[in-house]
Amino acid sequence: MTVEQVSLPVTEDLYEHAPCGLLITLPNGTIERANLTFCRWLGLE
């Protein structure tokens, strides 16, 4: 198993369960991805 294979799930978990809302947007401002915290803030669980 490589470092990348081990660290990707950990990174994913940290992103999804961060105590702050996180977004990934496209250059035009379209939201491509939002973490669970951000979705909860909007009531979109």
N, C-alpha and C. Protein backbone atom coordinates (compact mmCIF):
# COMPACT_ATOMS: atom_id res chain seq x y z
N MET A 1 0.84 -1.17 0.00
CA MET A 1 0.00 0.00 0.00
C MET A 1 0.89 1.24 0.00
N THR A 2 0.54 2.23 -0.82
CA THR A 2 1.34 3.45 -0.90
C THR A 2 0.82 4.49 0.08
N VAL A 3 1.63 5.51 0.30
CA VAL A 3 1.23 6.60 1.19
C VAL A 3 -0.04 7.26 0.67
N GLU A 4 -0.13 7.43 -0.65
CA GLU A 4 -1.32 8.05 -1.24
C GLU A 4 -2.58 7.22 -0.98
N GLN A 5 -2.46 5.91 -1.06
CA GLN A 5 -3.61 5.04 -0.83
C GLN A 5 -4.08 5.10 0.61
N VAL A 6 -3.18 5.29 1.53
CA VAL A 6 -3.53 5.37 2.94
C VAL A 6 -4.05 6.76 3.29
N SER A 7 -3.42 7.80 2.76
CA SER A 7 -3.76 9.16 3.17
C SER A 7 -5.03 9.68 2.52
N LEU A 8 -5.43 9.18 1.35
CA LEU A 8 -6.63 9.68 0.69
C LEU A 8 -7.88 9.50 1.55
N PRO A 9 -8.15 8.32 2.11
CA PRO A 9 -9.33 8.19 2.98
C PRO A 9 -9.26 9.11 4.20
N VAL A 10 -8.09 9.30 4.75
CA VAL A 10 -7.95 10.19 5.91
C VAL A 10 -8.26 11.62 5.51
N THR A 11 -7.72 12.05 4.38
CA THR A 11 -7.97 13.40 3.89
C THR A 11 -9.46 13.59 3.60
N GLU A 12 -10.07 12.62 2.98
CA GLU A 12 -11.51 12.67 2.68
C GLU A 12 -12.32 12.83 3.96
N ASP A 13 -11.98 12.06 4.98
CA ASP A 13 -12.69 12.13 6.26
C ASP A 13 -12.51 13.50 6.91
N LEU A 14 -11.31 14.03 6.87
CA LEU A 14 -11.06 15.36 7.44
C LEU A 14 -11.87 16.43 6.71
N TYR A 15 -11.95 16.34 5.39
CA TYR A 15 -12.72 17.30 4.59
C TYR A 15 -14.20 17.21 4.96
N GLU A 16 -14.75 16.02 4.95
CA GLU A 16 -16.18 15.85 5.19
C GLU A 16 -16.61 16.24 6.60
N HIS A 17 -15.77 16.01 7.59
CA HIS A 17 -16.16 16.22 8.97
C HIS A 17 -15.47 17.42 9.62
N ALA A 18 -14.95 18.32 8.81
CA ALA A 18 -14.32 19.53 9.35
C ALA A 18 -15.36 20.34 10.13
N PRO A 19 -14.95 21.04 11.18
CA PRO A 19 -15.90 21.83 11.96
C PRO A 19 -16.37 23.09 11.23
N CYS A 20 -15.80 23.36 10.07
CA CYS A 20 -16.22 24.52 9.28
C CYS A 20 -16.74 24.03 7.93
N GLY A 21 -17.61 24.82 7.34
CA GLY A 21 -18.12 24.48 6.02
C GLY A 21 -17.06 24.71 4.97
N LEU A 22 -16.89 23.74 4.08
CA LEU A 22 -15.89 23.85 3.03
C LEU A 22 -16.54 23.63 1.67
N LEU A 23 -16.11 24.43 0.69
CA LEU A 23 -16.62 24.32 -0.67
C LEU A 23 -15.47 24.17 -1.65
N ILE A 24 -15.74 23.48 -2.72
CA ILE A 24 -14.85 23.47 -3.88
C ILE A 24 -15.68 24.04 -5.02
N THR A 25 -15.18 25.10 -5.63
CA THR A 25 -15.92 25.75 -6.70
C THR A 25 -15.13 25.73 -8.00
N LEU A 26 -15.86 25.85 -9.09
CA LEU A 26 -15.25 26.01 -10.40
C LEU A 26 -14.87 27.48 -10.56
N PRO A 27 -14.02 27.80 -11.53
CA PRO A 27 -13.63 29.20 -11.73
C PRO A 27 -14.81 30.16 -11.94
N ASN A 28 -15.93 29.66 -12.46
CA ASN A 28 -17.10 30.52 -12.68
C ASN A 28 -17.98 30.66 -11.44
N GLY A 29 -17.58 30.04 -10.33
CA GLY A 29 -18.32 30.16 -9.08
C GLY A 29 -19.30 29.04 -8.80
N THR A 30 -19.48 28.13 -9.73
CA THR A 30 -20.37 27.00 -9.53
C THR A 30 -19.79 26.09 -8.45
N ILE A 31 -20.64 25.71 -7.49
CA ILE A 31 -20.18 24.82 -6.42
C ILE A 31 -20.07 23.41 -6.99
N GLU A 32 -18.88 22.87 -6.92
CA GLU A 32 -18.64 21.51 -7.40
C GLU A 32 -18.81 20.50 -6.27
N ARG A 33 -18.44 20.91 -5.07
CA ARG A 33 -18.52 20.00 -3.92
C ARG A 33 -18.61 20.80 -2.64
N ALA A 34 -19.38 20.29 -1.69
CA ALA A 34 -19.50 20.90 -0.36
C ALA A 34 -19.39 19.79 0.67
N ASN A 35 -18.77 20.11 1.82
CA ASN A 35 -18.63 19.07 2.83
C ASN A 35 -19.92 18.93 3.64
N LEU A 36 -19.96 17.91 4.49
CA LEU A 36 -21.17 17.63 5.27
C LEU A 36 -21.54 18.78 6.19
N THR A 37 -20.55 19.45 6.77
CA THR A 37 -20.83 20.56 7.68
C THR A 37 -21.56 21.67 6.93
N PHE A 38 -21.09 22.03 5.76
CA PHE A 38 -21.73 23.08 4.96
C PHE A 38 -23.16 22.68 4.62
N CYS A 39 -23.35 21.43 4.21
CA CYS A 39 -24.70 20.96 3.87
C CYS A 39 -25.63 21.01 5.08
N ARG A 40 -25.13 20.65 6.25
CA ARG A 40 -25.94 20.73 7.47
C ARG A 40 -26.34 22.16 7.77
N TRP A 41 -25.40 23.09 7.59
CA TRP A 41 -25.70 24.51 7.83
C TRP A 41 -26.86 24.97 6.94
N LEU A 42 -26.95 24.41 5.74
CA LEU A 42 -28.02 24.78 4.81
C LEU A 42 -29.26 23.91 4.96
N GLY A 43 -29.21 22.93 5.85
CA GLY A 43 -30.33 22.02 6.04
C GLY A 43 -30.47 21.01 4.92
N LEU A 44 -29.36 20.66 4.29
CA LEU A 44 -29.38 19.74 3.14
C LEU A 44 -28.76 18.39 3.46
N GLU A 45 -28.96 17.88 4.63
CA GLU A 45 -28.36 16.59 5.00
C GLU A 45 -28.86 15.54 4.06
